[in-house]
């Protein structure tokens, strides 16, 4: 699993374009929150072949707010969003973020 840093609106736009061909995952991470580190560790190593993006909600607050507005998902940290077809099809926060939850969501997409 390789994490791409999500640090600009341009990168977010690219992610959205790619989501029309394959699911994209965004992890909203707070370096000040130990729960965020726990959640991040719970989803690794993750499914191979997917694009994983991480945004630091402290240093990139404006971008984090843009993600909230763009995908109409109330901000939480930690938070995981699965983006597909240009929209958020799933989000989870805190203890709801697990590798199994992600895998289940991706399996549902494959069934469609």
N, C-alpha and C. Protein backbone atom coordinates (compact mmCIF):
# COMPACT_ATOMS: atom_id res chain seq x y z
N UNK A 1 0.85 -1.18 0.00
CA UNK A 1 0.00 0.00 0.00
C UNK A 1 0.89 1.23 0.00
N UNK A 2 0.68 2.09 -0.97
CA UNK A 2 1.43 3.34 -1.05
C UNK A 2 0.46 4.50 -0.85
N UNK A 3 0.82 5.38 0.07
CA UNK A 3 0.01 6.56 0.34
C UNK A 3 0.50 7.72 -0.51
N UNK A 4 -0.45 8.39 -1.15
CA UNK A 4 -0.16 9.61 -1.88
C UNK A 4 -0.61 10.77 -1.01
N UNK A 5 0.20 11.79 -0.89
CA UNK A 5 -0.19 12.96 -0.12
C UNK A 5 -1.19 13.79 -0.93
N UNK A 6 -2.28 14.10 -0.29
CA UNK A 6 -3.31 14.95 -0.90
C UNK A 6 -3.09 16.34 -0.31
N UNK A 7 -2.51 17.22 -1.14
CA UNK A 7 -2.10 18.52 -0.63
C UNK A 7 -2.62 19.71 -1.42
N UNK A 8 -3.41 19.44 -2.47
CA UNK A 8 -3.88 20.56 -3.29
C UNK A 8 -5.23 20.23 -3.93
N UNK A 9 -5.91 21.29 -4.32
CA UNK A 9 -7.17 21.11 -5.03
C UNK A 9 -6.94 20.43 -6.38
N UNK A 10 -5.78 20.67 -6.99
CA UNK A 10 -5.47 20.05 -8.27
C UNK A 10 -5.35 18.54 -8.13
N UNK A 11 -4.70 18.10 -7.05
CA UNK A 11 -4.58 16.66 -6.81
C UNK A 11 -5.96 16.07 -6.52
N UNK A 12 -6.79 16.79 -5.81
CA UNK A 12 -8.16 16.33 -5.54
C UNK A 12 -8.92 16.19 -6.86
N UNK A 13 -8.77 17.15 -7.76
CA UNK A 13 -9.43 17.08 -9.07
C UNK A 13 -8.97 15.84 -9.84
N UNK A 14 -7.67 15.55 -9.80
CA UNK A 14 -7.14 14.36 -10.48
C UNK A 14 -7.73 13.09 -9.86
N UNK A 15 -7.80 13.05 -8.55
CA UNK A 15 -8.37 11.91 -7.83
C UNK A 15 -9.82 11.70 -8.28
N UNK A 16 -10.57 12.77 -8.38
CA UNK A 16 -11.98 12.67 -8.79
C UNK A 16 -12.08 12.12 -10.21
N UNK A 17 -11.22 12.58 -11.10
CA UNK A 17 -11.22 12.06 -12.48
C UNK A 17 -10.93 10.55 -12.48
N UNK A 18 -9.93 10.13 -11.70
CA UNK A 18 -9.59 8.70 -11.64
C UNK A 18 -10.71 7.88 -11.02
N UNK A 19 -11.52 8.50 -10.18
CA UNK A 19 -12.60 7.76 -9.52
C UNK A 19 -13.67 7.28 -10.50
N UNK A 20 -13.67 7.81 -11.70
CA UNK A 20 -14.62 7.36 -12.70
C UNK A 20 -14.20 6.02 -13.31
N UNK A 21 -12.97 5.61 -13.03
CA UNK A 21 -12.45 4.34 -13.54
C UNK A 21 -12.17 3.33 -12.44
N UNK A 22 -11.87 3.83 -11.23
CA UNK A 22 -11.54 2.94 -10.12
C UNK A 22 -11.76 3.69 -8.81
N UNK A 23 -12.13 2.97 -7.76
CA UNK A 23 -12.33 3.64 -6.47
C UNK A 23 -11.04 4.27 -5.97
N UNK A 24 -11.19 5.41 -5.30
CA UNK A 24 -10.09 6.14 -4.70
C UNK A 24 -10.40 6.28 -3.21
N UNK A 25 -9.40 6.13 -2.37
CA UNK A 25 -9.62 6.23 -0.93
C UNK A 25 -8.91 7.46 -0.38
N UNK A 26 -9.63 8.21 0.43
CA UNK A 26 -9.07 9.38 1.10
C UNK A 26 -9.12 9.13 2.60
N UNK A 27 -7.98 9.30 3.26
CA UNK A 27 -7.92 9.20 4.71
C UNK A 27 -7.60 10.58 5.25
N UNK A 28 -8.53 11.12 6.04
CA UNK A 28 -8.33 12.42 6.67
C UNK A 28 -7.69 12.16 8.03
N UNK A 29 -6.44 12.61 8.15
CA UNK A 29 -5.59 12.28 9.29
C UNK A 29 -5.24 13.52 10.10
N UNK A 30 -5.28 13.38 11.42
CA UNK A 30 -4.82 14.44 12.30
C UNK A 30 -3.60 13.94 13.06
N UNK A 31 -2.49 14.62 12.87
CA UNK A 31 -1.26 14.25 13.57
C UNK A 31 -1.35 14.52 15.07
N UNK A 32 -2.37 15.24 15.51
CA UNK A 32 -2.56 15.56 16.93
C UNK A 32 -3.46 14.55 17.64
N UNK A 33 -3.98 13.58 16.89
CA UNK A 33 -4.97 12.65 17.45
C UNK A 33 -4.43 11.22 17.42
N UNK A 34 -4.29 10.63 18.59
CA UNK A 34 -3.78 9.26 18.63
C UNK A 34 -4.75 8.28 17.97
N UNK A 35 -6.05 8.54 18.05
CA UNK A 35 -7.04 7.67 17.40
C UNK A 35 -6.84 7.65 15.89
N UNK A 36 -6.40 8.77 15.34
CA UNK A 36 -6.15 8.84 13.92
C UNK A 36 -5.02 7.90 13.52
N UNK A 37 -3.98 7.86 14.32
CA UNK A 37 -2.87 6.93 14.05
C UNK A 37 -3.31 5.48 14.18
N UNK A 38 -4.15 5.20 15.17
CA UNK A 38 -4.68 3.85 15.36
C UNK A 38 -5.49 3.44 14.13
N UNK A 39 -6.39 4.32 13.68
CA UNK A 39 -7.23 4.02 12.52
C UNK A 39 -6.37 3.80 11.27
N UNK A 40 -5.34 4.61 11.11
CA UNK A 40 -4.45 4.45 9.96
C UNK A 40 -3.78 3.09 9.98
N UNK A 41 -3.32 2.67 11.12
CA UNK A 41 -2.68 1.35 11.23
C UNK A 41 -3.66 0.20 11.00
N UNK A 42 -4.93 0.40 11.33
CA UNK A 42 -5.93 -0.65 11.19
C UNK A 42 -6.28 -0.97 9.74
N UNK A 43 -5.99 -0.05 8.84
CA UNK A 43 -6.36 -0.29 7.44
C UNK A 43 -5.18 -0.71 6.58
N UNK A 44 -4.03 -0.86 7.18
CA UNK A 44 -2.87 -1.29 6.41
C UNK A 44 -2.67 -2.78 6.56
N UNK A 45 -2.22 -3.52 5.59
CA UNK A 45 -1.59 -3.05 4.36
C UNK A 45 -2.57 -2.66 3.27
N UNK A 46 -3.82 -3.07 3.34
CA UNK A 46 -4.79 -2.65 2.33
C UNK A 46 -4.71 -3.43 1.03
N UNK A 47 -5.76 -3.31 0.26
CA UNK A 47 -5.83 -4.00 -1.04
C UNK A 47 -4.85 -3.38 -2.02
N UNK A 48 -4.14 -4.22 -2.71
CA UNK A 48 -3.18 -3.75 -3.71
C UNK A 48 -3.92 -3.25 -4.95
N UNK A 49 -3.30 -2.33 -5.66
CA UNK A 49 -3.86 -1.84 -6.91
C UNK A 49 -4.83 -0.67 -6.75
N UNK A 50 -5.02 -0.20 -5.54
CA UNK A 50 -5.89 0.96 -5.31
C UNK A 50 -5.06 2.20 -5.05
N UNK A 51 -5.67 3.35 -5.26
CA UNK A 51 -5.02 4.61 -4.94
C UNK A 51 -5.48 5.05 -3.56
N UNK A 52 -4.52 5.25 -2.68
CA UNK A 52 -4.78 5.69 -1.31
C UNK A 52 -4.20 7.09 -1.13
N UNK A 53 -5.02 8.01 -0.66
CA UNK A 53 -4.60 9.38 -0.44
C UNK A 53 -4.76 9.73 1.03
N UNK A 54 -3.82 10.51 1.54
CA UNK A 54 -3.88 10.94 2.92
C UNK A 54 -3.77 12.46 2.95
N UNK A 55 -4.66 13.08 3.72
CA UNK A 55 -4.62 14.54 3.87
C UNK A 55 -4.49 14.84 5.35
N UNK A 56 -3.54 15.69 5.68
CA UNK A 56 -3.33 16.14 7.06
C UNK A 56 -4.31 17.28 7.33
N UNK A 57 -5.29 17.02 8.16
CA UNK A 57 -6.35 18.01 8.40
C UNK A 57 -5.86 19.22 9.18
N UNK A 58 -4.71 19.11 9.81
CA UNK A 58 -4.15 20.25 10.55
C UNK A 58 -3.45 21.22 9.58
N UNK A 59 -2.52 20.70 8.81
CA UNK A 59 -1.75 21.59 7.92
C UNK A 59 -2.51 21.93 6.63
N UNK A 60 -3.50 21.14 6.28
CA UNK A 60 -4.27 21.36 5.05
C UNK A 60 -5.75 21.55 5.37
N UNK A 61 -6.02 22.40 6.35
CA UNK A 61 -7.39 22.60 6.82
C UNK A 61 -8.33 23.08 5.70
N UNK A 62 -7.85 24.01 4.88
CA UNK A 62 -8.69 24.53 3.80
C UNK A 62 -9.06 23.41 2.82
N UNK A 63 -8.10 22.57 2.48
CA UNK A 63 -8.36 21.43 1.60
C UNK A 63 -9.31 20.45 2.26
N UNK A 64 -9.12 20.19 3.54
CA UNK A 64 -10.02 19.31 4.28
C UNK A 64 -11.45 19.84 4.24
N UNK A 65 -11.60 21.16 4.40
CA UNK A 65 -12.93 21.78 4.32
C UNK A 65 -13.51 21.62 2.91
N UNK A 66 -12.65 21.76 1.90
CA UNK A 66 -13.11 21.60 0.51
C UNK A 66 -13.61 20.18 0.26
N UNK A 67 -12.90 19.19 0.81
CA UNK A 67 -13.33 17.80 0.68
C UNK A 67 -14.71 17.61 1.32
N UNK A 68 -14.90 18.20 2.48
CA UNK A 68 -16.20 18.13 3.17
C UNK A 68 -17.31 18.71 2.29
N UNK A 69 -17.05 19.87 1.73
CA UNK A 69 -18.06 20.52 0.89
C UNK A 69 -18.29 19.76 -0.42
N UNK A 70 -17.20 19.36 -1.06
CA UNK A 70 -17.29 18.70 -2.37
C UNK A 70 -18.07 17.39 -2.31
N UNK A 71 -17.83 16.61 -1.25
CA UNK A 71 -18.46 15.30 -1.15
C UNK A 71 -19.65 15.27 -0.19
N UNK A 72 -20.00 16.43 0.34
CA UNK A 72 -21.16 16.55 1.25
C UNK A 72 -21.09 15.54 2.39
N UNK A 73 -19.92 15.48 3.01
CA UNK A 73 -19.68 14.58 4.14
C UNK A 73 -19.21 15.44 5.31
N UNK A 74 -19.89 15.35 6.43
CA UNK A 74 -19.51 16.12 7.60
C UNK A 74 -18.10 15.72 8.04
N UNK A 75 -17.26 16.73 8.28
CA UNK A 75 -15.87 16.49 8.65
C UNK A 75 -15.76 15.76 9.99
N UNK A 76 -14.92 14.74 9.97
CA UNK A 76 -14.51 14.06 11.19
C UNK A 76 -13.05 13.69 11.02
N UNK A 77 -12.40 13.45 12.11
CA UNK A 77 -11.00 13.04 12.04
C UNK A 77 -10.74 12.06 13.18
N UNK A 78 -10.27 10.88 12.83
CA UNK A 78 -9.95 10.40 11.50
C UNK A 78 -11.22 10.08 10.70
N UNK A 79 -11.05 10.09 9.40
CA UNK A 79 -12.18 9.79 8.52
C UNK A 79 -11.66 9.15 7.24
N UNK A 80 -12.40 8.19 6.76
CA UNK A 80 -12.08 7.52 5.50
C UNK A 80 -13.23 7.71 4.54
N UNK A 81 -12.91 8.09 3.31
CA UNK A 81 -13.92 8.23 2.27
C UNK A 81 -13.53 7.34 1.09
N UNK A 82 -14.51 6.65 0.54
CA UNK A 82 -14.32 5.90 -0.70
C UNK A 82 -15.00 6.72 -1.79
N UNK A 83 -14.20 7.15 -2.75
CA UNK A 83 -14.69 7.99 -3.84
C UNK A 83 -14.79 7.14 -5.10
N UNK A 84 -15.97 7.16 -5.71
CA UNK A 84 -16.18 6.40 -6.94
C UNK A 84 -17.20 7.15 -7.79
N UNK A 85 -16.91 7.27 -9.07
CA UNK A 85 -17.82 7.98 -9.95
C UNK A 85 -17.95 9.46 -9.62
N UNK A 86 -16.89 10.02 -9.03
CA UNK A 86 -16.90 11.45 -8.71
C UNK A 86 -17.59 11.82 -7.43
N UNK A 87 -18.03 10.82 -6.66
CA UNK A 87 -18.73 11.13 -5.41
C UNK A 87 -18.30 10.18 -4.29
N UNK A 88 -18.59 10.58 -3.08
CA UNK A 88 -18.29 9.72 -1.95
C UNK A 88 -19.41 8.69 -1.83
N UNK A 89 -19.03 7.42 -1.97
CA UNK A 89 -20.04 6.36 -1.87
C UNK A 89 -20.04 5.73 -0.49
N UNK A 90 -19.04 6.08 0.33
CA UNK A 90 -18.96 5.54 1.68
C UNK A 90 -18.00 6.39 2.49
N UNK A 91 -18.36 6.58 3.77
CA UNK A 91 -17.41 7.21 4.68
C UNK A 91 -17.57 6.58 6.05
N UNK A 92 -16.47 6.58 6.78
CA UNK A 92 -16.44 6.04 8.13
C UNK A 92 -15.48 6.87 8.96
N UNK A 93 -15.67 6.82 10.26
CA UNK A 93 -14.76 7.55 11.12
C UNK A 93 -14.43 6.72 12.36
N UNK A 94 -13.37 7.10 13.01
CA UNK A 94 -12.92 6.51 14.26
C UNK A 94 -12.88 4.99 14.21
N UNK A 95 -13.59 4.31 15.11
CA UNK A 95 -13.53 2.84 15.18
C UNK A 95 -14.23 2.16 14.01
N UNK A 96 -14.96 2.93 13.21
CA UNK A 96 -15.60 2.37 12.02
C UNK A 96 -14.65 2.18 10.86
N UNK A 97 -13.41 2.65 11.01
CA UNK A 97 -12.42 2.52 9.96
C UNK A 97 -11.62 1.24 10.18
N UNK A 98 -11.88 0.24 9.33
CA UNK A 98 -11.15 -1.02 9.42
C UNK A 98 -10.88 -1.54 8.01
N UNK A 99 -9.91 -2.41 7.90
CA UNK A 99 -9.61 -3.03 6.61
C UNK A 99 -10.82 -3.83 6.11
N UNK A 100 -11.52 -4.51 7.02
CA UNK A 100 -12.69 -5.30 6.62
C UNK A 100 -13.80 -4.43 6.06
N UNK A 101 -14.02 -3.26 6.66
CA UNK A 101 -15.06 -2.35 6.18
C UNK A 101 -14.73 -1.88 4.77
N UNK A 102 -13.48 -1.54 4.54
CA UNK A 102 -13.06 -1.11 3.20
C UNK A 102 -13.25 -2.25 2.21
N UNK A 103 -12.80 -3.42 2.58
CA UNK A 103 -12.91 -4.58 1.69
C UNK A 103 -14.38 -4.86 1.34
N UNK A 104 -15.25 -4.77 2.32
CA UNK A 104 -16.68 -4.99 2.07
C UNK A 104 -17.24 -3.97 1.09
N UNK A 105 -16.86 -2.71 1.24
CA UNK A 105 -17.34 -1.67 0.33
C UNK A 105 -16.82 -1.91 -1.09
N UNK A 106 -15.58 -2.29 -1.20
CA UNK A 106 -15.00 -2.55 -2.53
C UNK A 106 -15.65 -3.77 -3.17
N UNK A 107 -15.95 -4.79 -2.37
CA UNK A 107 -16.63 -5.97 -2.90
C UNK A 107 -18.03 -5.63 -3.39
N UNK A 108 -18.72 -4.74 -2.69
CA UNK A 108 -20.05 -4.29 -3.15
C UNK A 108 -19.96 -3.60 -4.51
N UNK A 109 -18.92 -2.81 -4.71
CA UNK A 109 -18.73 -2.16 -6.01
C UNK A 109 -18.52 -3.17 -7.12
N UNK A 110 -17.79 -4.22 -6.83
CA UNK A 110 -17.50 -5.22 -7.84
C UNK A 110 -18.75 -6.02 -8.22
N UNK A 111 -19.72 -6.07 -7.32
CA UNK A 111 -20.95 -6.83 -7.59
C UNK A 111 -21.89 -6.04 -8.50
N UNK A 112 -21.70 -4.74 -8.60
CA UNK A 112 -22.60 -3.91 -9.40
C UNK A 112 -22.32 -4.04 -10.87
